[in-house]
N, C-alpha and C. Protein backbone atom coordinates (compact mmCIF):
# COMPACT_ATOMS: atom_id res chain seq x y z
N MET A 1 13.70 11.18 -39.77
CA MET A 1 14.18 12.13 -38.78
C MET A 1 13.05 12.52 -37.85
N LEU A 2 13.43 13.02 -36.71
CA LEU A 2 12.46 13.43 -35.69
C LEU A 2 12.04 14.87 -35.93
N ASP A 3 10.72 15.10 -35.99
CA ASP A 3 10.20 16.44 -36.21
C ASP A 3 10.08 17.16 -34.88
N THR A 4 10.91 18.17 -34.64
CA THR A 4 10.91 18.90 -33.37
C THR A 4 10.28 20.28 -33.51
N SER A 5 9.62 20.55 -34.61
CA SER A 5 9.04 21.88 -34.82
C SER A 5 7.71 22.04 -34.07
N ARG A 6 7.04 20.93 -33.76
CA ARG A 6 5.76 21.02 -33.05
C ARG A 6 5.99 21.18 -31.55
N GLU A 7 5.01 21.82 -30.89
CA GLU A 7 5.09 21.98 -29.45
C GLU A 7 4.69 20.68 -28.77
N PRO A 8 5.31 20.35 -27.65
CA PRO A 8 4.93 19.11 -26.96
C PRO A 8 3.55 19.23 -26.33
N VAL A 9 2.82 18.13 -26.35
CA VAL A 9 1.49 18.07 -25.78
C VAL A 9 1.62 17.66 -24.32
N PRO A 10 0.94 18.33 -23.40
CA PRO A 10 1.01 17.91 -21.99
C PRO A 10 0.51 16.49 -21.81
N ALA A 11 1.15 15.73 -20.95
CA ALA A 11 0.84 14.32 -20.79
C ALA A 11 -0.48 14.09 -20.06
N ALA A 12 -0.87 14.99 -19.18
CA ALA A 12 -2.03 14.76 -18.33
C ALA A 12 -3.25 15.56 -18.80
N THR A 13 -3.51 15.59 -20.09
CA THR A 13 -4.65 16.36 -20.58
C THR A 13 -5.97 15.66 -20.30
N ASP A 14 -6.00 14.32 -20.36
CA ASP A 14 -7.25 13.61 -20.15
C ASP A 14 -7.20 12.71 -18.91
N ALA A 15 -6.31 13.02 -17.97
CA ALA A 15 -6.20 12.23 -16.75
C ALA A 15 -7.36 12.54 -15.82
N PRO A 16 -7.82 11.55 -15.05
CA PRO A 16 -8.89 11.81 -14.10
C PRO A 16 -8.43 12.76 -13.00
N ALA A 17 -9.36 13.46 -12.41
CA ALA A 17 -9.02 14.47 -11.40
C ALA A 17 -8.47 13.84 -10.13
N GLU A 18 -8.98 12.67 -9.75
CA GLU A 18 -8.53 12.03 -8.52
C GLU A 18 -8.10 10.61 -8.83
N GLU A 19 -6.92 10.21 -8.32
CA GLU A 19 -6.42 8.87 -8.56
C GLU A 19 -7.18 7.87 -7.69
N PRO A 20 -7.37 6.65 -8.17
CA PRO A 20 -8.03 5.64 -7.34
C PRO A 20 -7.14 5.25 -6.17
N ARG A 21 -7.77 4.92 -5.06
CA ARG A 21 -7.01 4.53 -3.88
C ARG A 21 -6.72 3.05 -3.94
N GLY A 22 -5.52 2.68 -3.52
CA GLY A 22 -5.11 1.29 -3.63
C GLY A 22 -4.86 0.64 -2.28
N CYS A 23 -4.03 -0.37 -2.28
CA CYS A 23 -3.78 -1.18 -1.09
C CYS A 23 -3.06 -0.38 -0.01
N LEU A 24 -2.14 0.49 -0.38
CA LEU A 24 -1.41 1.25 0.63
C LEU A 24 -2.33 2.18 1.40
N PHE A 25 -3.36 2.69 0.74
CA PHE A 25 -4.34 3.51 1.47
C PHE A 25 -5.08 2.66 2.50
N ALA A 26 -5.42 1.43 2.14
CA ALA A 26 -6.12 0.55 3.08
C ALA A 26 -5.23 0.22 4.27
N LEU A 27 -3.93 0.01 4.04
CA LEU A 27 -3.03 -0.33 5.14
C LEU A 27 -2.75 0.85 6.05
N SER A 28 -3.08 2.07 5.62
CA SER A 28 -2.83 3.23 6.46
C SER A 28 -3.96 3.50 7.44
N GLN A 29 -5.00 2.68 7.42
CA GLN A 29 -6.13 2.89 8.31
C GLN A 29 -5.85 2.29 9.69
N PRO A 30 -6.05 3.06 10.76
CA PRO A 30 -5.72 2.57 12.11
C PRO A 30 -6.45 1.29 12.53
N PRO A 31 -7.77 1.12 12.28
CA PRO A 31 -8.41 -0.13 12.74
C PRO A 31 -7.79 -1.37 12.10
N LEU A 32 -7.45 -1.29 10.84
CA LEU A 32 -6.84 -2.45 10.18
C LEU A 32 -5.47 -2.75 10.78
N MET A 33 -4.68 -1.72 11.05
CA MET A 33 -3.35 -1.94 11.60
C MET A 33 -3.44 -2.48 13.03
N ILE A 34 -4.43 -2.04 13.81
CA ILE A 34 -4.62 -2.59 15.16
C ILE A 34 -4.99 -4.06 15.06
N PHE A 35 -5.89 -4.40 14.16
CA PHE A 35 -6.29 -5.80 13.97
C PHE A 35 -5.09 -6.66 13.57
N LEU A 36 -4.31 -6.19 12.60
CA LEU A 36 -3.14 -6.96 12.16
C LEU A 36 -2.10 -7.06 13.26
N GLY A 37 -1.96 -6.03 14.08
CA GLY A 37 -1.03 -6.07 15.20
C GLY A 37 -1.44 -7.11 16.24
N VAL A 38 -2.74 -7.17 16.54
CA VAL A 38 -3.23 -8.16 17.51
C VAL A 38 -3.01 -9.57 16.99
N ILE A 39 -3.34 -9.80 15.73
CA ILE A 39 -3.13 -11.14 15.14
C ILE A 39 -1.64 -11.49 15.14
N GLY A 40 -0.79 -10.52 14.81
CA GLY A 40 0.66 -10.76 14.82
C GLY A 40 1.17 -11.09 16.21
N CYS A 41 0.66 -10.39 17.23
CA CYS A 41 1.07 -10.68 18.61
C CYS A 41 0.63 -12.08 19.04
N LEU A 42 -0.58 -12.46 18.66
CA LEU A 42 -1.05 -13.80 19.00
C LEU A 42 -0.20 -14.88 18.33
N LEU A 43 0.14 -14.66 17.07
CA LEU A 43 1.00 -15.63 16.38
C LEU A 43 2.39 -15.68 17.01
N MET A 44 2.92 -14.52 17.39
CA MET A 44 4.25 -14.48 18.02
C MET A 44 4.22 -15.18 19.38
N MET A 45 3.17 -14.95 20.17
CA MET A 45 3.06 -15.62 21.47
C MET A 45 2.96 -17.14 21.30
N ALA A 46 2.22 -17.59 20.30
CA ALA A 46 2.11 -19.02 20.06
C ALA A 46 3.46 -19.60 19.63
N ALA A 47 4.19 -18.88 18.80
CA ALA A 47 5.50 -19.37 18.35
C ALA A 47 6.49 -19.43 19.50
N VAL A 48 6.51 -18.40 20.34
CA VAL A 48 7.42 -18.39 21.50
C VAL A 48 7.05 -19.51 22.46
N HIS A 49 5.76 -19.73 22.67
CA HIS A 49 5.32 -20.82 23.55
C HIS A 49 5.77 -22.17 23.00
N ASP A 50 5.61 -22.38 21.70
CA ASP A 50 6.02 -23.66 21.10
C ASP A 50 7.53 -23.87 21.17
N LEU A 51 8.29 -22.79 20.99
CA LEU A 51 9.75 -22.94 20.94
C LEU A 51 10.37 -23.06 22.32
N PHE A 52 9.89 -22.30 23.30
CA PHE A 52 10.61 -22.21 24.56
C PHE A 52 9.90 -22.88 25.74
N VAL A 53 8.59 -23.07 25.67
CA VAL A 53 7.88 -23.64 26.80
C VAL A 53 7.68 -25.15 26.62
N LEU A 54 7.30 -25.56 25.43
CA LEU A 54 7.07 -26.99 25.22
C LEU A 54 8.35 -27.78 25.08
């Protein structure tokens, strides 16, 4: 049987104070998004040129 007489222990007793930053934090930086936007525009221009001009 399950013993329910004890009080529950909080889950975050030994959690670090600050969570590590991951990939979504890196994608939220404006210089990276500007760089990716420029590369995306260049790829799109090349694709449109190949499809409709040539």
